[in-house]
Amino acid sequence: MDDKQWNVQIWIHEDDEDAVTTATAVLFTPDGKRHESVARARRNPVDRPVPGIGDELAVGRALSDLSAKLIQDGAEDVAQLSSPV
């Protein structure tokens, strides 16, 4: 069996006040399915702006959501294959 490689593309956007960071994670599987998750991190107004922290939180949340979606898709595929025809 050949090795496979899947790549996730991540886009990060910060609002003009550096208060909200939005991350979008997209995965295209070899069979052409597109999986996308969007997540946000919001800075507490009393905290000083450290954009890297917002990036980490937003990206981590987007990847976590993407992971859950992939697991759900896999479970649904198994259920379809194991049901009688």
PDB file of N, CA and C in Angstrom:
ATOM      1  N   MET A   1       0.843  -1.179   0.000  1.00  0.00           N
ATOM      2  CA  MET A   1       0.000   0.000   0.000  1.00  0.00           C
ATOM      3  C   MET A   1       0.887   1.241   0.000  1.00  0.00           C
ATOM      4  N   ASP A   2       0.507   2.199  -0.795  1.00  0.00           N
ATOM      5  CA  ASP A   2       1.276   3.440  -0.884  1.00  0.00           C
ATOM      6  C   ASP A   2       0.979   4.357   0.294  1.00  0.00           C
ATOM      7  N   ASP A   3       1.990   5.135   0.669  1.00  0.00           N
ATOM      8  CA  ASP A   3       1.779   6.169   1.684  1.00  0.00           C
ATOM      9  C   ASP A   3       0.905   7.267   1.101  1.00  0.00           C
ATOM     10  N   LYS A   4       0.213   7.956   1.992  1.00  0.00           N
ATOM     11  CA  LYS A   4      -0.656   9.059   1.569  1.00  0.00           C
ATOM     12  C   LYS A   4      -0.280  10.312   2.339  1.00  0.00           C
ATOM     13  N   GLN A   5      -0.555  11.430   1.741  1.00  0.00           N
ATOM     14  CA  GLN A   5      -0.333  12.706   2.427  1.00  0.00           C
ATOM     15  C   GLN A   5      -1.552  13.579   2.214  1.00  0.00           C
ATOM     16  N   TRP A   6      -2.092  14.076   3.303  1.00  0.00           N
ATOM     17  CA  TRP A   6      -3.191  15.038   3.248  1.00  0.00           C
ATOM     18  C   TRP A   6      -2.670  16.342   3.813  1.00  0.00           C
ATOM     19  N   ASN A   7      -3.033  17.430   3.195  1.00  0.00           N
ATOM     20  CA  ASN A   7      -2.585  18.745   3.654  1.00  0.00           C
ATOM     21  C   ASN A   7      -3.781  19.589   4.069  1.00  0.00           C
ATOM     22  N   VAL A   8      -3.653  20.221   5.206  1.00  0.00           N
ATOM     23  CA  VAL A   8      -4.670  21.148   5.693  1.00  0.00           C
ATOM     24  C   VAL A   8      -4.164  22.563   5.436  1.00  0.00           C
ATOM     25  N   GLN A   9      -5.002  23.368   4.822  1.00  0.00           N
ATOM     26  CA  GLN A   9      -4.664  24.781   4.621  1.00  0.00           C
ATOM     27  C   GLN A   9      -5.355  25.586   5.713  1.00  0.00           C
ATOM     28  N   ILE A  10      -4.622  26.539   6.276  1.00  0.00           N
ATOM     29  CA  ILE A  10      -5.160  27.350   7.365  1.00  0.00           C
ATOM     30  C   ILE A  10      -4.990  28.818   7.020  1.00  0.00           C
ATOM     31  N   TRP A  11      -6.079  29.561   7.150  1.00  0.00           N
ATOM     32  CA  TRP A  11      -6.054  31.009   6.969  1.00  0.00           C
ATOM     33  C   TRP A  11      -6.386  31.645   8.308  1.00  0.00           C
ATOM     34  N   ILE A  12      -5.639  32.689   8.644  1.00  0.00           N
ATOM     35  CA  ILE A  12      -5.837  33.399   9.909  1.00  0.00           C
ATOM     36  C   ILE A  12      -6.118  34.862   9.594  1.00  0.00           C
ATOM     37  N   HIS A  13      -7.180  35.379  10.195  1.00  0.00           N
ATOM     38  CA  HIS A  13      -7.548  36.784  10.007  1.00  0.00           C
ATOM     39  C   HIS A  13      -7.739  37.431  11.374  1.00  0.00           C
ATOM     40  N   GLU A  14      -7.127  38.598  11.553  1.00  0.00           N
ATOM     41  CA  GLU A  14      -7.312  39.370  12.783  1.00  0.00           C
ATOM     42  C   GLU A  14      -8.093  40.627  12.444  1.00  0.00           C
ATOM     43  N   ASP A  15      -9.038  40.991  13.312  1.00  0.00           N
ATOM     44  CA  ASP A  15      -9.801  42.209  13.061  1.00  0.00           C
ATOM     45  C   ASP A  15      -8.919  43.432  13.286  1.00  0.00           C
ATOM     46  N   ASP A  16      -9.444  44.593  12.962  1.00  0.00           N
ATOM     47  CA  ASP A  16      -8.652  45.827  13.010  1.00  0.00           C
ATOM     48  C   ASP A  16      -8.185  46.204  14.410  1.00  0.00           C
ATOM     49  N   GLU A  17      -8.908  45.779  15.435  1.00  0.00           N
ATOM     50  CA  GLU A  17      -8.516  46.112  16.813  1.00  0.00           C
ATOM     51  C   GLU A  17      -7.684  45.006  17.467  1.00  0.00           C
ATOM     52  N   ASP A  18      -7.333  43.960  16.720  1.00  0.00           N
ATOM     53  CA  ASP A  18      -6.629  42.792  17.274  1.00  0.00           C
ATOM     54  C   ASP A  18      -7.390  42.188  18.445  1.00  0.00           C
ATOM     55  N   ALA A  19      -8.722  42.251  18.393  1.00  0.00           N
ATOM     56  CA  ALA A  19      -9.538  41.699  19.471  1.00  0.00           C
ATOM     57  C   ALA A  19     -10.096  40.323  19.119  1.00  0.00           C
ATOM     58  N   VAL A  20     -10.307  40.064  17.836  1.00  0.00           N
ATOM     59  CA  VAL A  20     -10.875  38.787  17.401  1.00  0.00           C
ATOM     60  C   VAL A  20     -10.000  38.200  16.302  1.00  0.00           C
ATOM     61  N   THR A  21      -9.615  36.951  16.489  1.00  0.00           N
ATOM     62  CA  THR A  21      -8.858  36.212  15.487  1.00  0.00           C
ATOM     63  C   THR A  21      -9.747  35.099  14.959  1.00  0.00           C
ATOM     64  N   THR A  22      -9.822  34.981  13.642  1.00  0.00           N
ATOM     65  CA  THR A  22     -10.615  33.931  13.008  1.00  0.00           C
ATOM     66  C   THR A  22      -9.680  33.031  12.218  1.00  0.00           C
ATOM     67  N   ALA A  23      -9.821  31.737  12.412  1.00  0.00           N
ATOM     68  CA  ALA A  23      -9.020  30.758  11.677  1.00  0.00           C
ATOM     69  C   ALA A  23      -9.951  29.862  10.872  1.00  0.00           C
ATOM     70  N   THR A  24      -9.569  29.614   9.628  1.00  0.00           N
ATOM     71  CA  THR A  24     -10.305  28.702   8.759  1.00  0.00           C
ATOM     72  C   THR A  24      -9.359  27.579   8.371  1.00  0.00           C
ATOM     73  N   ALA A  25      -9.758  26.351   8.645  1.00  0.00           N
ATOM     74  CA  ALA A  25      -8.967  25.171   8.294  1.00  0.00           C
ATOM     75  C   ALA A  25      -9.723  24.400   7.217  1.00  0.00           C
ATOM     76  N   VAL A  26      -9.044  24.108   6.110  1.00  0.00           N
ATOM     77  CA  VAL A  26      -9.679  23.416   4.985  1.00  0.00           C
ATOM     78  C   VAL A  26      -8.837  22.209   4.596  1.00  0.00           C
ATOM     79  N   LEU A  27      -9.518  21.080   4.415  1.00  0.00           N
ATOM     80  CA  LEU A  27      -8.877  19.848   3.967  1.00  0.00           C
ATOM     81  C   LEU A  27      -9.628  19.339   2.748  1.00  0.00           C
ATOM     82  N   PHE A  28      -8.900  19.081   1.667  1.00  0.00           N
ATOM     83  CA  PHE A  28      -9.454  18.415   0.499  1.00  0.00           C
ATOM     84  C   PHE A  28      -8.911  16.991   0.508  1.00  0.00           C
ATOM     85  N   THR A  29      -9.801  16.000   0.556  1.00  0.00           N
ATOM     86  CA  THR A  29      -9.362  14.610   0.534  1.00  0.00           C
ATOM     87  C   THR A  29      -9.128  14.184  -0.911  1.00  0.00           C
ATOM     88  N   PRO A  30      -8.368  13.111  -1.120  1.00  0.00           N
ATOM     89  CA  PRO A  30      -8.069  12.673  -2.487  1.00  0.00           C
ATOM     90  C   PRO A  30      -9.319  12.373  -3.321  1.00  0.00           C
ATOM     91  N   ASP A  31     -10.422  12.005  -2.659  1.00  0.00           N
ATOM     92  CA  ASP A  31     -11.648  11.720  -3.410  1.00  0.00           C
ATOM     93  C   ASP A  31     -12.453  12.983  -3.721  1.00  0.00           C
ATOM     94  N   GLY A  32     -11.888  14.149  -3.399  1.00  0.00           N
ATOM     95  CA  GLY A  32     -12.509  15.411  -3.764  1.00  0.00           C
ATOM     96  C   GLY A  32     -13.410  16.031  -2.717  1.00  0.00           C
ATOM     97  N   LYS A  33     -13.533  15.391  -1.559  1.00  0.00           N
ATOM     98  CA  LYS A  33     -14.352  15.982  -0.500  1.00  0.00           C
ATOM     99  C   LYS A  33     -13.641  17.193   0.098  1.00  0.00           C
ATOM    100  N   ARG A  34     -14.437  18.214   0.391  1.00  0.00           N
ATOM    101  CA  ARG A  34     -13.904  19.427   1.020  1.00  0.00           C
ATOM    102  C   ARG A  34     -14.445  19.481   2.440  1.00  0.00           C
ATOM    103  N   HIS A  35     -13.540  19.574   3.393  1.00  0.00           N
ATOM    104  CA  HIS A  35     -13.905  19.685   4.804  1.00  0.00           C
ATOM    105  C   HIS A  35     -13.407  21.038   5.294  1.00  0.00           C
ATOM    106  N   GLU A  36     -14.277  21.808   5.934  1.00  0.00           N
ATOM    107  CA  GLU A  36     -13.899  23.144   6.400  1.00  0.00           C
ATOM    108  C   GLU A  36     -14.411  23.378   7.810  1.00  0.00           C
ATOM    109  N   SER A  37     -13.589  24.026   8.598  1.00  0.00           N
ATOM    110  CA  SER A  37     -13.979  24.447   9.942  1.00  0.00           C
ATOM    111  C   SER A  37     -13.498  25.868  10.170  1.00  0.00           C
ATOM    112  N   VAL A  38     -14.320  26.639  10.845  1.00  0.00           N
ATOM    113  CA  VAL A  38     -13.990  28.024  11.179  1.00  0.00           C
ATOM    114  C   VAL A  38     -14.116  28.179  12.686  1.00  0.00           C
ATOM    115  N   ALA A  39     -13.144  28.844  13.291  1.00  0.00           N
ATOM    116  CA  ALA A  39     -13.181  29.072  14.740  1.00  0.00           C
ATOM    117  C   ALA A  39     -12.611  30.446  15.050  1.00  0.00           C
ATOM    118  N   ARG A  40     -12.973  30.942  16.220  1.00  0.00           N
ATOM    119  CA  ARG A  40     -12.532  32.281  16.626  1.00  0.00           C
ATOM    120  C   ARG A  40     -11.936  32.262  18.018  1.00  0.00           C
ATOM    121  N   ALA A  41     -11.094  33.244  18.256  1.00  0.00           N
ATOM    122  CA  ALA A  41     -10.571  33.522  19.598  1.00  0.00           C
ATOM    123  C   ALA A  41     -10.766  35.014  19.834  1.00  0.00           C
ATOM    124  N   ARG A  42     -11.252  35.341  21.006  1.00  0.00           N
ATOM    125  CA  ARG A  42     -11.526  36.743  21.331  1.00  0.00           C
ATOM    126  C   ARG A  42     -10.651  37.154  22.513  1.00  0.00           C
ATOM    127  N   ARG A  43      -9.956  38.280  22.349  1.00  0.00           N
ATOM    128  CA  ARG A  43      -9.096  38.797  23.414  1.00  0.00           C
ATOM    129  C   ARG A  43      -9.941  39.551  24.429  1.00  0.00           C
ATOM    130  N   ASN A  44      -9.668  39.309  25.690  1.00  0.00           N
ATOM    131  CA  ASN A  44     -10.303  40.068  26.761  1.00  0.00           C
ATOM    132  C   ASN A  44      -9.833  41.515  26.640  1.00  0.00           C
ATOM    133  N   PRO A  45     -10.739  42.481  26.686  1.00  0.00           N
ATOM    134  CA  PRO A  45     -10.342  43.884  26.505  1.00  0.00           C
ATOM    135  C   PRO A  45      -9.303  44.383  27.511  1.00  0.00           C
ATOM    136  N   VAL A  46      -9.206  43.759  28.681  1.00  0.00           N
ATOM    137  CA  VAL A  46      -8.224  44.220  29.667  1.00  0.00           C
ATOM    138  C   VAL A  46      -6.844  43.619  29.429  1.00  0.00           C
ATOM    139  N   ASP A  47      -6.753  42.604  28.572  1.00  0.00           N
ATOM    140  CA  ASP A  47      -5.465  41.980  28.274  1.00  0.00           C
ATOM    141  C   ASP A  47      -4.730  42.773  27.198  1.00  0.00           C
ATOM    142  N   ARG A  48      -3.406  42.738  27.263  1.00  0.00           N
ATOM    143  CA  ARG A  48      -2.626  43.403  26.216  1.00  0.00           C
ATOM    144  C   ARG A  48      -2.658  42.533  24.959  1.00  0.00           C
ATOM    145  N   PRO A  49      -2.581  43.142  23.788  1.00  0.00           N
ATOM    146  CA  PRO A  49      -2.649  42.372  22.547  1.00  0.00           C
ATOM    147  C   PRO A  49      -1.382  41.549  22.301  1.00  0.00           C
ATOM    148  N   VAL A  50      -1.555  40.249  22.189  1.00  0.00           N
ATOM    149  CA  VAL A  50      -0.478  39.331  21.801  1.00  0.00           C
ATOM    150  C   VAL A  50      -1.075  38.454  20.696  1.00  0.00           C
ATOM    151  N   PRO A  51      -0.956  38.890  19.432  1.00  0.00           N
ATOM    152  CA  PRO A  51      -1.629  38.194  18.335  1.00  0.00           C
ATOM    153  C   PRO A  51      -1.321  36.700  18.246  1.00  0.00           C
ATOM    154  N   GLY A  52      -0.122  36.298  18.608  1.00  0.00           N
ATOM    155  CA  GLY A  52       0.238  34.882  18.512  1.00  0.00           C
ATOM    156  C   GLY A  52      -0.646  33.984  19.351  1.00  0.00           C
ATOM    157  N   ILE A  53      -1.088  34.489  20.501  1.00  0.00           N
ATOM    158  CA  ILE A  53      -1.956  33.691  21.367  1.00  0.00           C
ATOM    159  C   ILE A  53      -3.313  33.488  20.697  1.00  0.00           C
ATOM    160  N   GLY A  54      -3.863  34.550  20.136  1.00  0.00           N
ATOM    161  CA  GLY A  54      -5.133  34.420  19.420  1.00  0.00           C
ATOM    162  C   GLY A  54      -5.022  33.472  18.240  1.00  0.00           C
ATOM    163  N   ASP A  55      -3.897  33.534  17.533  1.00  0.00           N
ATOM    164  CA  ASP A  55      -3.669  32.618  16.409  1.00  0.00           C
ATOM    165  C   ASP A  55      -3.706  31.172  16.884  1.00  0.00           C
ATOM    166  N   GLU A  56      -2.961  30.881  17.955  1.00  0.00           N
ATOM    167  CA  GLU A  56      -2.895  29.509  18.471  1.00  0.00           C
ATOM    168  C   GLU A  56      -4.268  29.005  18.895  1.00  0.00           C
ATOM    169  N   LEU A  57      -5.005  29.837  19.617  1.00  0.00           N
ATOM    170  CA  LEU A  57      -6.320  29.410  20.092  1.00  0.00           C
ATOM    171  C   LEU A  57      -7.299  29.209  18.939  1.00  0.00           C
ATOM    172  N   ALA A  58      -7.348  30.147  18.019  1.00  0.00           N
ATOM    173  CA  ALA A  58      -8.286  30.028  16.899  1.00  0.00           C
ATOM    174  C   ALA A  58      -7.945  28.834  16.007  1.00  0.00           C
ATOM    175  N   VAL A  59      -6.663  28.662  15.695  1.00  0.00           N
ATOM    176  CA  VAL A  59      -6.251  27.534  14.849  1.00  0.00           C
ATOM    177  C   VAL A  59      -6.498  26.215  15.571  1.00  0.00           C
ATOM    178  N   GLY A  60      -6.157  26.146  16.850  1.00  0.00           N
ATOM    179  CA  GLY A  60      -6.404  24.924  17.618  1.00  0.00           C
ATOM    180  C   GLY A  60      -7.871  24.551  17.628  1.00  0.00           C
ATOM    181  N   ARG A  61      -8.732  25.540  17.796  1.00  0.00           N
ATOM    182  CA  ARG A  61     -10.177  25.282  17.800  1.00  0.00           C
ATOM    183  C   ARG A  61     -10.669  24.840  16.425  1.00  0.00           C
ATOM    184  N   ALA A  62     -10.158  25.464  15.372  1.00  0.00           N
ATOM    185  CA  ALA A  62     -10.561  25.070  14.017  1.00  0.00           C
ATOM    186  C   ALA A  62     -10.113  23.642  13.713  1.00  0.00           C
ATOM    187  N   LEU A  63      -8.895  23.299  14.102  1.00  0.00           N
ATOM    188  CA  LEU A  63      -8.401  21.940  13.863  1.00  0.00           C
ATOM    189  C   LEU A  63      -9.156  20.916  14.700  1.00  0.00           C
ATOM    190  N   SER A  64      -9.503  21.279  15.921  1.00  0.00           N
ATOM    191  CA  SER A  64     -10.285  20.384  16.775  1.00  0.00           C
ATOM    192  C   SER A  64     -11.651  20.110  16.154  1.00  0.00           C
ATOM    193  N   ASP A  65     -12.292  21.157  15.648  1.00  0.00           N
ATOM    194  CA  ASP A  65     -13.591  20.995  15.001  1.00  0.00           C
ATOM    195  C   ASP A  65     -13.460  20.169  13.726  1.00  0.00           C
ATOM    196  N   LEU A  66     -12.405  20.415  12.959  1.00  0.00           N
ATOM    197  CA  LEU A  66     -12.169  19.646  11.736  1.00  0.00           C
ATOM    198  C   LEU A  66     -11.970  18.169  12.078  1.00  0.00           C
ATOM    199  N   SER A  67     -11.243  17.901  13.132  1.00  0.00           N
ATOM    200  CA  SER A  67     -11.022  16.532  13.584  1.00  0.00           C
ATOM    201  C   SER A  67     -12.345  15.844  13.919  1.00  0.00           C
ATOM    202  N   ALA A  68     -13.204  16.534  14.656  1.00  0.00           N
ATOM    203  CA  ALA A  68     -14.504  15.965  15.025  1.00  0.00           C
ATOM    204  C   ALA A  68     -15.344  15.676  13.782  1.00  0.00           C
ATOM    205  N   LYS A  69     -15.306  16.573  12.806  1.00  0.00           N
ATOM    206  CA  LYS A  69     -16.066  16.365  11.573  1.00  0.00           C
ATOM    207  C   LYS A  69     -15.551  15.151  10.804  1.00  0.00           C
ATOM    208  N   LEU A  70     -14.232  14.979  10.743  1.00  0.00           N
ATOM    209  CA  LEU A  70     -13.665  13.829  10.031  1.00  0.00           C
ATOM    210  C   LEU A  70     -14.031  12.519  10.721  1.00  0.00           C
ATOM    211  N   ILE A  71     -13.992  12.507  12.048  1.00  0.00           N
ATOM    212  CA  ILE A  71     -14.375  11.303  12.790  1.00  0.00           C
ATOM    213  C   ILE A  71     -15.842  10.978  12.541  1.00  0.00           C
ATOM    214  N   GLN A  72     -16.701  11.987  12.547  1.00  0.00           N
ATOM    215  CA  GLN A  72     -18.125  11.778  12.273  1.00  0.00           C
ATOM    216  C   GLN A  72     -18.341  11.251  10.860  1.00  0.00           C
ATOM    217  N   ASP A  73     -17.650  11.822   9.880  1.00  0.00           N
ATOM    218  CA  ASP A  73     -17.768  11.341   8.499  1.00  0.00           C
ATOM    219  C   ASP A  73     -17.343   9.880   8.394  1.00  0.00           C
ATOM    220  N   GLY A  74     -16.243   9.528   9.059  1.00  0.00           N
ATOM    221  CA  GLY A  74     -15.778   8.144   9.039  1.00  0.00           C
ATOM    222  C   GLY A  74     -16.790   7.199   9.666  1.00  0.00           C
ATOM    223  N   ALA A  75     -17.376   7.610  10.780  1.00  0.00           N
ATOM    224  CA  ALA A  75     -18.381   6.782  11.448  1.00  0.00           C
ATOM    225  C   ALA A  75     -19.610   6.596  10.557  1.00  0.00           C
ATOM    226  N   GLU A  76     -20.024   7.652   9.864  1.00  0.00           N
ATOM    227  CA  GLU A  76     -21.167   7.546   8.951  1.00  0.00           C
ATOM    228  C   GLU A  76     -20.850   6.631   7.776  1.00  0.00           C
ATOM    229  N   ASP A  77     -19.631   6.698   7.261  1.00  0.00           N
ATOM    230  CA  ASP A  77     -19.228   5.811   6.164  1.00  0.00           C
ATOM    231  C   ASP A  77     -19.250   4.350   6.607  1.00  0.00           C
ATOM    232  N   VAL A  78     -18.761   4.075   7.808  1.00  0.00           N
ATOM    233  CA  VAL A  78     -18.778   2.707   8.338  1.00  0.00           C
ATOM    234  C   VAL A  78     -20.216   2.227   8.483  1.00  0.00           C
ATOM    235  N   ALA A  79     -21.090   3.082   9.002  1.00  0.00           N
ATOM    236  CA  ALA A  79     -22.492   2.703   9.184  1.00  0.00           C
ATOM    237  C   ALA A  79     -23.154   2.381   7.846  1.00  0.00           C
ATOM    238  N   GLN A  80     -22.848   3.163   6.817  1.00  0.00           N
ATOM    239  CA  GLN A  80     -23.429   2.901   5.495  1.00  0.00           C
ATOM    240  C   GLN A  80     -22.941   1.578   4.922  1.00  0.00           C
ATOM    241  N   LEU A  81     -21.667   1.280   5.105  1.00  0.00           N
ATOM    242  CA  LEU A  81     -21.109   0.045   4.561  1.00  0.00           C
ATOM    243  C   LEU A  81     -21.579  -1.187   5.316  1.00  0.00           C
ATOM    244  N   SER A  82     -21.930  -1.028   6.582  1.00  0.00           N
ATOM    245  CA  SER A  82     -22.326  -2.186   7.376  1.00  0.00           C
ATOM    246  C   SER A  82     -23.835  -2.407   7.380  1.00  0.00           C
ATOM    247  N   SER A  83     -24.604  -1.500   6.777  1.00  0.00           N
ATOM    248  CA  SER A  83     -26.056  -1.692   6.727  1.00  0.00           C
ATOM    249  C   SER A  83     -26.407  -2.606   5.559  1.00  0.00           C
ATOM    250  N   PRO A  84     -27.495  -3.375   5.718  1.00  0.00           N
ATOM    251  CA  PRO A  84     -27.882  -4.287   4.627  1.00  0.00           C
ATOM    252  C   PRO A  84     -28.306  -3.511   3.380  1.00  0.00           C
ATOM    253  N   VAL A  85     -28.082  -4.132   2.248  1.00  0.00           N
ATOM    254  CA  VAL A  85     -28.386  -3.483   0.966  1.00  0.00           C
ATOM    255  C   VAL A  85     -29.846  -3.578   0.638  1.00  0.00           C
TER     256      VAL A  85
END
